Amino acid sequence: MKDNTVYWKMRNGKLISVDDMDINHLRNVLKMIIRNHEKAIQAKPKVEFKFNGDMAQEFNDSHYSDMDDIQWSDGEFYKE
């Protein structure tokens, strides 16, 4: 049988199995993950592009977006 043990590294450096954590420890870990995620989102700089010239802007306007890639590959339009 495959070992699916997942470990959490505590502040003191000790590894503990997630399966062995009590409910309060699990709750605190989840809160920490959520706080760190929110901090990362706030710290992430917004990327803005400035196009120089009509050709660059036209290319960007006509280029497929990521949503187009998903739409074309979800099976509705995508045929192999």
PDB file of N, CA and C in Angstrom:
ATOM      1  N   MET A   1       0.842  -1.184   0.000  1.00  0.00           N
ATOM      2  CA  MET A   1       0.000   0.000   0.000  1.00  0.00           C
ATOM      3  C   MET A   1       0.886   1.246   0.000  1.00  0.00           C
ATOM      4  N   LYS A   2       0.492   2.231  -0.751  1.00  0.00           N
ATOM      5  CA  LYS A   2       1.265   3.458  -0.892  1.00  0.00           C
ATOM      6  C   LYS A   2       1.149   4.306   0.381  1.00  0.00           C
ATOM      7  N   ASP A   3       2.279   4.863   0.802  1.00  0.00           N
ATOM      8  CA  ASP A   3       2.306   5.713   1.987  1.00  0.00           C
ATOM      9  C   ASP A   3       1.926   7.130   1.586  1.00  0.00           C
ATOM     10  N   ASN A   4       0.798   7.622   2.076  1.00  0.00           N
ATOM     11  CA  ASN A   4       0.306   8.964   1.748  1.00  0.00           C
ATOM     12  C   ASN A   4       0.533   9.943   2.887  1.00  0.00           C
ATOM     13  N   THR A   5       1.556   9.719   3.696  1.00  0.00           N
ATOM     14  CA  THR A   5       1.815  10.578   4.832  1.00  0.00           C
ATOM     15  C   THR A   5       2.318  11.936   4.367  1.00  0.00           C
ATOM     16  N   VAL A   6       1.696  12.987   4.884  1.00  0.00           N
ATOM     17  CA  VAL A   6       2.088  14.360   4.587  1.00  0.00           C
ATOM     18  C   VAL A   6       2.556  14.978   5.895  1.00  0.00           C
ATOM     19  N   TYR A   7       3.694  15.669   5.830  1.00  0.00           N
ATOM     20  CA  TYR A   7       4.266  16.245   7.035  1.00  0.00           C
ATOM     21  C   TYR A   7       4.185  17.763   6.999  1.00  0.00           C
ATOM     22  N   TRP A   8       4.045  18.348   8.173  1.00  0.00           N
ATOM     23  CA  TRP A   8       4.050  19.785   8.360  1.00  0.00           C
ATOM     24  C   TRP A   8       5.299  20.130   9.154  1.00  0.00           C
ATOM     25  N   LYS A   9       6.047  21.119   8.681  1.00  0.00           N
ATOM     26  CA  LYS A   9       7.241  21.550   9.398  1.00  0.00           C
ATOM     27  C   LYS A   9       6.854  22.664  10.353  1.00  0.00           C
ATOM     28  N   MET A  10       7.015  22.399  11.636  1.00  0.00           N
ATOM     29  CA  MET A  10       6.628  23.365  12.657  1.00  0.00           C
ATOM     30  C   MET A  10       7.687  24.456  12.789  1.00  0.00           C
ATOM     31  N   ARG A  11       7.352  25.499  13.504  1.00  0.00           N
ATOM     32  CA  ARG A  11       8.237  26.640  13.696  1.00  0.00           C
ATOM     33  C   ARG A  11       9.596  26.221  14.267  1.00  0.00           C
ATOM     34  N   ASN A  12       9.601  25.205  15.139  1.00  0.00           N
ATOM     35  CA  ASN A  12      10.852  24.753  15.751  1.00  0.00           C
ATOM     36  C   ASN A  12      11.656  23.824  14.838  1.00  0.00           C
ATOM     37  N   GLY A  13      11.150  23.564  13.622  1.00  0.00           N
ATOM     38  CA  GLY A  13      11.854  22.730  12.655  1.00  0.00           C
ATOM     39  C   GLY A  13      11.472  21.272  12.695  1.00  0.00           C
ATOM     40  N   LYS A  14      10.695  20.882  13.676  1.00  0.00           N
ATOM     41  CA  LYS A  14      10.281  19.481  13.807  1.00  0.00           C
ATOM     42  C   LYS A  14       9.180  19.167  12.796  1.00  0.00           C
ATOM     43  N   LEU A  15       9.250  17.980  12.208  1.00  0.00           N
ATOM     44  CA  LEU A  15       8.210  17.532  11.283  1.00  0.00           C
ATOM     45  C   LEU A  15       7.155  16.756  12.053  1.00  0.00           C
ATOM     46  N   ILE A  16       5.898  17.011  11.708  1.00  0.00           N
ATOM     47  CA  ILE A  16       4.794  16.298  12.332  1.00  0.00           C
ATOM     48  C   ILE A  16       3.848  15.845  11.229  1.00  0.00           C
ATOM     49  N   SER A  17       3.341  14.639  11.353  1.00  0.00           N
ATOM     50  CA  SER A  17       2.373  14.138  10.384  1.00  0.00           C
ATOM     51  C   SER A  17       1.077  14.927  10.522  1.00  0.00           C
ATOM     52  N   VAL A  18       0.503  15.327   9.414  1.00  0.00           N
ATOM     53  CA  VAL A  18      -0.765  16.063   9.436  1.00  0.00           C
ATOM     54  C   VAL A  18      -1.850  15.199  10.074  1.00  0.00           C
ATOM     55  N   ASP A  19      -1.759  13.902   9.884  1.00  0.00           N
ATOM     56  CA  ASP A  19      -2.738  12.991  10.476  1.00  0.00           C
ATOM     57  C   ASP A  19      -2.661  12.972  11.999  1.00  0.00           C
ATOM     58  N   ASP A  20      -1.510  13.327  12.555  1.00  0.00           N
ATOM     59  CA  ASP A  20      -1.333  13.310  14.005  1.00  0.00           C
ATOM     60  C   ASP A  20      -1.639  14.646  14.675  1.00  0.00           C
ATOM     61  N   MET A  21      -1.946  15.671  13.901  1.00  0.00           N
ATOM     62  CA  MET A  21      -2.232  16.988  14.480  1.00  0.00           C
ATOM     63  C   MET A  21      -3.613  16.980  15.129  1.00  0.00           C
ATOM     64  N   ASP A  22      -3.732  17.709  16.251  1.00  0.00           N
ATOM     65  CA  ASP A  22      -5.052  17.850  16.851  1.00  0.00           C
ATOM     66  C   ASP A  22      -5.818  18.947  16.109  1.00  0.00           C
ATOM     67  N   ILE A  23      -7.094  19.048  16.393  1.00  0.00           N
ATOM     68  CA  ILE A  23      -7.962  19.952  15.640  1.00  0.00           C
ATOM     69  C   ILE A  23      -7.542  21.415  15.801  1.00  0.00           C
ATOM     70  N   ASN A  24      -7.070  21.801  16.983  1.00  0.00           N
ATOM     71  CA  ASN A  24      -6.644  23.190  17.183  1.00  0.00           C
ATOM     72  C   ASN A  24      -5.399  23.505  16.368  1.00  0.00           C
ATOM     73  N   HIS A  25      -4.470  22.557  16.286  1.00  0.00           N
ATOM     74  CA  HIS A  25      -3.263  22.767  15.492  1.00  0.00           C
ATOM     75  C   HIS A  25      -3.631  22.898  14.011  1.00  0.00           C
ATOM     76  N   LEU A  26      -4.507  22.035  13.535  1.00  0.00           N
ATOM     77  CA  LEU A  26      -4.951  22.103  12.139  1.00  0.00           C
ATOM     78  C   LEU A  26      -5.635  23.438  11.847  1.00  0.00           C
ATOM     79  N   ARG A  27      -6.467  23.895  12.783  1.00  0.00           N
ATOM     80  CA  ARG A  27      -7.179  25.162  12.611  1.00  0.00           C
ATOM     81  C   ARG A  27      -6.182  26.317  12.514  1.00  0.00           C
ATOM     82  N   ASN A  28      -5.168  26.310  13.386  1.00  0.00           N
ATOM     83  CA  ASN A  28      -4.168  27.379  13.374  1.00  0.00           C
ATOM     84  C   ASN A  28      -3.319  27.349  12.107  1.00  0.00           C
ATOM     85  N   VAL A  29      -3.006  26.162  11.620  1.00  0.00           N
ATOM     86  CA  VAL A  29      -2.253  26.043  10.369  1.00  0.00           C
ATOM     87  C   VAL A  29      -3.065  26.622   9.217  1.00  0.00           C
ATOM     88  N   LEU A  30      -4.342  26.301   9.161  1.00  0.00           N
ATOM     89  CA  LEU A  30      -5.195  26.830   8.095  1.00  0.00           C
ATOM     90  C   LEU A  30      -5.284  28.346   8.157  1.00  0.00           C
ATOM     91  N   LYS A  31      -5.428  28.902   9.355  1.00  0.00           N
ATOM     92  CA  LYS A  31      -5.466  30.359   9.497  1.00  0.00           C
ATOM     93  C   LYS A  31      -4.163  30.989   9.023  1.00  0.00           C
ATOM     94  N   MET A  32      -3.031  30.356   9.338  1.00  0.00           N
ATOM     95  CA  MET A  32      -1.739  30.889   8.921  1.00  0.00           C
ATOM     96  C   MET A  32      -1.614  30.866   7.394  1.00  0.00           C
ATOM     97  N   ILE A  33      -2.062  29.784   6.784  1.00  0.00           N
ATOM     98  CA  ILE A  33      -2.003  29.676   5.326  1.00  0.00           C
ATOM     99  C   ILE A  33      -2.855  30.767   4.678  1.00  0.00           C
ATOM    100  N   ILE A  34      -4.037  30.994   5.208  1.00  0.00           N
ATOM    101  CA  ILE A  34      -4.925  32.027   4.653  1.00  0.00           C
ATOM    102  C   ILE A  34      -4.302  33.413   4.813  1.00  0.00           C
ATOM    103  N   ARG A  35      -3.733  33.713   5.999  1.00  0.00           N
ATOM    104  CA  ARG A  35      -3.089  35.014   6.209  1.00  0.00           C
ATOM    105  C   ARG A  35      -1.924  35.217   5.244  1.00  0.00           C
ATOM    106  N   ASN A  36      -1.091  34.178   5.096  1.00  0.00           N
ATOM    107  CA  ASN A  36       0.059  34.288   4.194  1.00  0.00           C
ATOM    108  C   ASN A  36      -0.381  34.464   2.745  1.00  0.00           C
ATOM    109  N   HIS A  37      -1.444  33.807   2.360  1.00  0.00           N
ATOM    110  CA  HIS A  37      -1.967  33.940   1.000  1.00  0.00           C
ATOM    111  C   HIS A  37      -2.468  35.364   0.754  1.00  0.00           C
ATOM    112  N   GLU A  38      -3.191  35.915   1.734  1.00  0.00           N
ATOM    113  CA  GLU A  38      -3.692  37.287   1.592  1.00  0.00           C
ATOM    114  C   GLU A  38      -2.542  38.284   1.514  1.00  0.00           C
ATOM    115  N   LYS A  39      -1.494  38.075   2.310  1.00  0.00           N
ATOM    116  CA  LYS A  39      -0.324  38.952   2.252  1.00  0.00           C
ATOM    117  C   LYS A  39       0.357  38.862   0.892  1.00  0.00           C
ATOM    118  N   ALA A  40       0.449  37.659   0.347  1.00  0.00           N
ATOM    119  CA  ALA A  40       1.101  37.472  -0.955  1.00  0.00           C
ATOM    120  C   ALA A  40       0.315  38.155  -2.065  1.00  0.00           C
ATOM    121  N   ILE A  41      -1.000  38.093  -1.989  1.00  0.00           N
ATOM    122  CA  ILE A  41      -1.837  38.745  -3.005  1.00  0.00           C
ATOM    123  C   ILE A  41      -1.657  40.262  -2.939  1.00  0.00           C
ATOM    124  N   GLN A  42      -1.619  40.815  -1.725  1.00  0.00           N
ATOM    125  CA  GLN A  42      -1.462  42.258  -1.573  1.00  0.00           C
ATOM    126  C   GLN A  42      -0.078  42.722  -2.001  1.00  0.00           C
ATOM    127  N   ALA A  43       0.933  41.892  -1.808  1.00  0.00           N
ATOM    128  CA  ALA A  43       2.310  42.274  -2.136  1.00  0.00           C
ATOM    129  C   ALA A  43       2.629  42.094  -3.613  1.00  0.00           C
ATOM    130  N   LYS A  44       1.815  41.328  -4.319  1.00  0.00           N
ATOM    131  CA  LYS A  44       2.076  41.047  -5.730  1.00  0.00           C
ATOM    132  C   LYS A  44       1.859  42.312  -6.552  1.00  0.00           C
ATOM    133  N   PRO A  45       2.890  42.743  -7.267  1.00  0.00           N
ATOM    134  CA  PRO A  45       2.720  43.955  -8.078  1.00  0.00           C
ATOM    135  C   PRO A  45       1.812  43.694  -9.279  1.00  0.00           C
ATOM    136  N   LYS A  46       1.030  44.688  -9.614  1.00  0.00           N
ATOM    137  CA  LYS A  46       0.172  44.570 -10.787  1.00  0.00           C
ATOM    138  C   LYS A  46       1.017  44.848 -12.022  1.00  0.00           C
ATOM    139  N   VAL A  47       0.894  43.959 -12.978  1.00  0.00           N
ATOM    140  CA  VAL A  47       1.667  44.087 -14.203  1.00  0.00           C
ATOM    141  C   VAL A  47       0.854  44.885 -15.214  1.00  0.00           C
ATOM    142  N   GLU A  48       1.448  45.936 -15.697  1.00  0.00           N
ATOM    143  CA  GLU A  48       0.801  46.751 -16.724  1.00  0.00           C
ATOM    144  C   GLU A  48       1.720  46.821 -17.929  1.00  0.00           C
ATOM    145  N   PHE A  49       1.133  46.712 -19.093  1.00  0.00           N
ATOM    146  CA  PHE A  49       1.899  46.758 -20.326  1.00  0.00           C
ATOM    147  C   PHE A  49       1.593  48.058 -21.052  1.00  0.00           C
ATOM    148  N   LYS A  50       2.631  48.627 -21.584  1.00  0.00           N
ATOM    149  CA  LYS A  50       2.463  49.816 -22.398  1.00  0.00           C
ATOM    150  C   LYS A  50       2.951  49.465 -23.805  1.00  0.00           C
ATOM    151  N   PHE A  51       2.070  49.608 -24.758  1.00  0.00           N
ATOM    152  CA  PHE A  51       2.414  49.280 -26.134  1.00  0.00           C
ATOM    153  C   PHE A  51       2.864  50.539 -26.852  1.00  0.00           C
ATOM    154  N   ASN A  52       3.930  50.385 -27.603  1.00  0.00           N
ATOM    155  CA  ASN A  52       4.468  51.499 -28.376  1.00  0.00           C
ATOM    156  C   ASN A  52       4.135  51.274 -29.841  1.00  0.00           C
ATOM    157  N   GLY A  53       3.156  51.980 -30.314  1.00  0.00           N
ATOM    158  CA  GLY A  53       2.817  51.897 -31.727  1.00  0.00           C
ATOM    159  C   GLY A  53       1.534  51.145 -31.986  1.00  0.00           C
ATOM    160  N   ASP A  54       0.961  51.435 -33.146  1.00  0.00           N
ATOM    161  CA  ASP A  54      -0.305  50.828 -33.539  1.00  0.00           C
ATOM    162  C   ASP A  54      -0.171  49.340 -33.822  1.00  0.00           C
ATOM    163  N   MET A  55       0.965  48.910 -34.380  1.00  0.00           N
ATOM    164  CA  MET A  55       1.135  47.494 -34.708  1.00  0.00           C
ATOM    165  C   MET A  55       1.146  46.629 -33.447  1.00  0.00           C
ATOM    166  N   ALA A  56       1.828  47.100 -32.419  1.00  0.00           N
ATOM    167  CA  ALA A  56       1.884  46.343 -31.165  1.00  0.00           C
ATOM    168  C   ALA A  56       0.503  46.270 -30.527  1.00  0.00           C
ATOM    169  N   GLN A  57      -0.229  47.370 -30.546  1.00  0.00           N
ATOM    170  CA  GLN A  57      -1.572  47.382 -29.961  1.00  0.00           C
ATOM    171  C   GLN A  57      -2.506  46.481 -30.765  1.00  0.00           C
ATOM    172  N   GLU A  58      -2.409  46.511 -32.088  1.00  0.00           N
ATOM    173  CA  GLU A  58      -3.256  45.673 -32.940  1.00  0.00           C
ATOM    174  C   GLU A  58      -2.972  44.194 -32.696  1.00  0.00           C
ATOM    175  N   PHE A  59      -1.695  43.848 -32.574  1.00  0.00           N
ATOM    176  CA  PHE A  59      -1.335  42.458 -32.289  1.00  0.00           C
ATOM    177  C   PHE A  59      -1.932  42.020 -30.961  1.00  0.00           C
ATOM    178  N   ASN A  60      -1.822  42.856 -29.943  1.00  0.00           N
ATOM    179  CA  ASN A  60      -2.359  42.503 -28.634  1.00  0.00           C
ATOM    180  C   ASN A  60      -3.871  42.349 -28.676  1.00  0.00           C
ATOM    181  N   ASP A  61      -4.550  43.234 -29.378  1.00  0.00           N
ATOM    182  CA  ASP A  61      -6.005  43.167 -29.467  1.00  0.00           C
ATOM    183  C   ASP A  61      -6.472  41.925 -30.210  1.00  0.00           C
ATOM    184  N   SER A  62      -5.701  41.469 -31.180  1.00  0.00           N
ATOM    185  CA  SER A  62      -6.132  40.319 -31.977  1.00  0.00           C
ATOM    186  C   SER A  62      -5.611  38.995 -31.431  1.00  0.00           C
ATOM    187  N   HIS A  63      -4.746  39.034 -30.440  1.00  0.00           N
ATOM    188  CA  HIS A  63      -4.163  37.813 -29.887  1.00  0.00           C
ATOM    189  C   HIS A  63      -5.174  37.117 -28.989  1.00  0.00           C
ATOM    190  N   TYR A  64      -5.182  35.777 -29.041  1.00  0.00           N
ATOM    191  CA  TYR A  64      -6.093  35.015 -28.187  1.00  0.00           C
ATOM    192  C   TYR A  64      -5.710  35.170 -26.731  1.00  0.00           C
ATOM    193  N   SER A  65      -6.703  35.242 -25.875  1.00  0.00           N
ATOM    194  CA  SER A  65      -6.459  35.310 -24.437  1.00  0.00           C
ATOM    195  C   SER A  65      -6.417  33.898 -23.871  1.00  0.00           C
ATOM    196  N   ASP A  66      -6.077  33.779 -22.590  1.00  0.00           N
ATOM    197  CA  ASP A  66      -6.096  32.478 -21.921  1.00  0.00           C
ATOM    198  C   ASP A  66      -7.500  31.897 -21.915  1.00  0.00           C
ATOM    199  N   MET A  67      -8.510  32.744 -21.787  1.00  0.00           N
ATOM    200  CA  MET A  67      -9.893  32.252 -21.796  1.00  0.00           C
ATOM    201  C   MET A  67     -10.238  31.663 -23.152  1.00  0.00           C
ATOM    202  N   ASP A  68      -9.704  32.224 -24.221  1.00  0.00           N
ATOM    203  CA  ASP A  68      -9.937  31.649 -25.546  1.00  0.00           C
ATOM    204  C   ASP A  68      -9.324  30.262 -25.626  1.00  0.00           C
ATOM    205  N   ASP A  69      -8.128  30.102 -25.051  1.00  0.00           N
ATOM    206  CA  ASP A  69      -7.481  28.789 -25.062  1.00  0.00           C
ATOM    207  C   ASP A  69      -8.328  27.765 -24.325  1.00  0.00           C
ATOM    208  N   ILE A  70      -8.898  28.159 -23.190  1.00  0.00           N
ATOM    209  CA  ILE A  70      -9.741  27.244 -22.425  1.00  0.00           C
ATOM    210  C   ILE A  70     -10.994  26.915 -23.224  1.00  0.00           C
ATOM    211  N   GLN A  71     -11.605  27.923 -23.830  1.00  0.00           N
ATOM    212  CA  GLN A  71     -12.835  27.708 -24.596  1.00  0.00           C
ATOM    213  C   GLN A  71     -12.576  26.755 -25.760  1.00  0.00           C
ATOM    214  N   TRP A  72     -11.452  26.907 -26.417  1.00  0.00           N
ATOM    215  CA  TRP A  72     -11.169  26.081 -27.581  1.00  0.00           C
ATOM    216  C   TRP A  72     -10.721  24.680 -27.197  1.00  0.00           C
ATOM    217  N   SER A  73     -10.251  24.482 -25.972  1.00  0.00           N
ATOM    218  CA  SER A  73      -9.765  23.165 -25.598  1.00  0.00           C
ATOM    219  C   SER A  73     -10.727  22.410 -24.691  1.00  0.00           C
ATOM    220  N   ASP A  74     -11.905  22.978 -24.384  1.00  0.00           N
ATOM    221  CA  ASP A  74     -12.808  22.304 -23.452  1.00  0.00           C
ATOM    222  C   ASP A  74     -13.641  21.228 -24.123  1.00  0.00           C
ATOM    223  N   GLY A  75     -13.438  21.016 -25.400  1.00  0.00           N
ATOM    224  CA  GLY A  75     -14.165  19.970 -26.091  1.00  0.00           C
ATOM    225  C   GLY A  75     -15.282  20.494 -26.962  1.00  0.00           C
ATOM    226  N   GLU A  76     -15.760  21.697 -26.675  1.00  0.00           N
ATOM    227  CA  GLU A  76     -16.848  22.246 -27.466  1.00  0.00           C
ATOM    228  C   GLU A  76     -16.390  22.538 -28.874  1.00  0.00           C
ATOM    229  N   PHE A  77     -15.224  23.136 -29.008  1.00  0.00           N
ATOM    230  CA  PHE A  77     -14.689  23.474 -30.323  1.00  0.00           C
ATOM    231  C   PHE A  77     -13.480  22.629 -30.670  1.00  0.00           C
ATOM    232  N   TYR A  78     -12.914  21.999 -29.686  1.00  0.00           N
ATOM    233  CA  TYR A  78     -11.646  21.284 -29.860  1.00  0.00           C
ATOM    234  C   TYR A  78     -11.944  19.853 -30.288  1.00  0.00           C
ATOM    235  N   LYS A  79     -11.488  19.488 -31.446  1.00  0.00           N
ATOM    236  CA  LYS A  79     -11.689  18.131 -31.978  1.00  0.00           C
ATOM    237  C   LYS A  79     -10.341  17.548 -32.341  1.00  0.00           C
ATOM    238  N   GLU A  80     -10.077  16.329 -31.857  1.00  0.00           N
ATOM    239  CA  GLU A  80      -8.830  15.647 -32.236  1.00  0.00           C
ATOM    240  C   GLU A  80      -9.165  14.402 -33.006  1.00  0.00           C
TER     241      GLU A  80
END
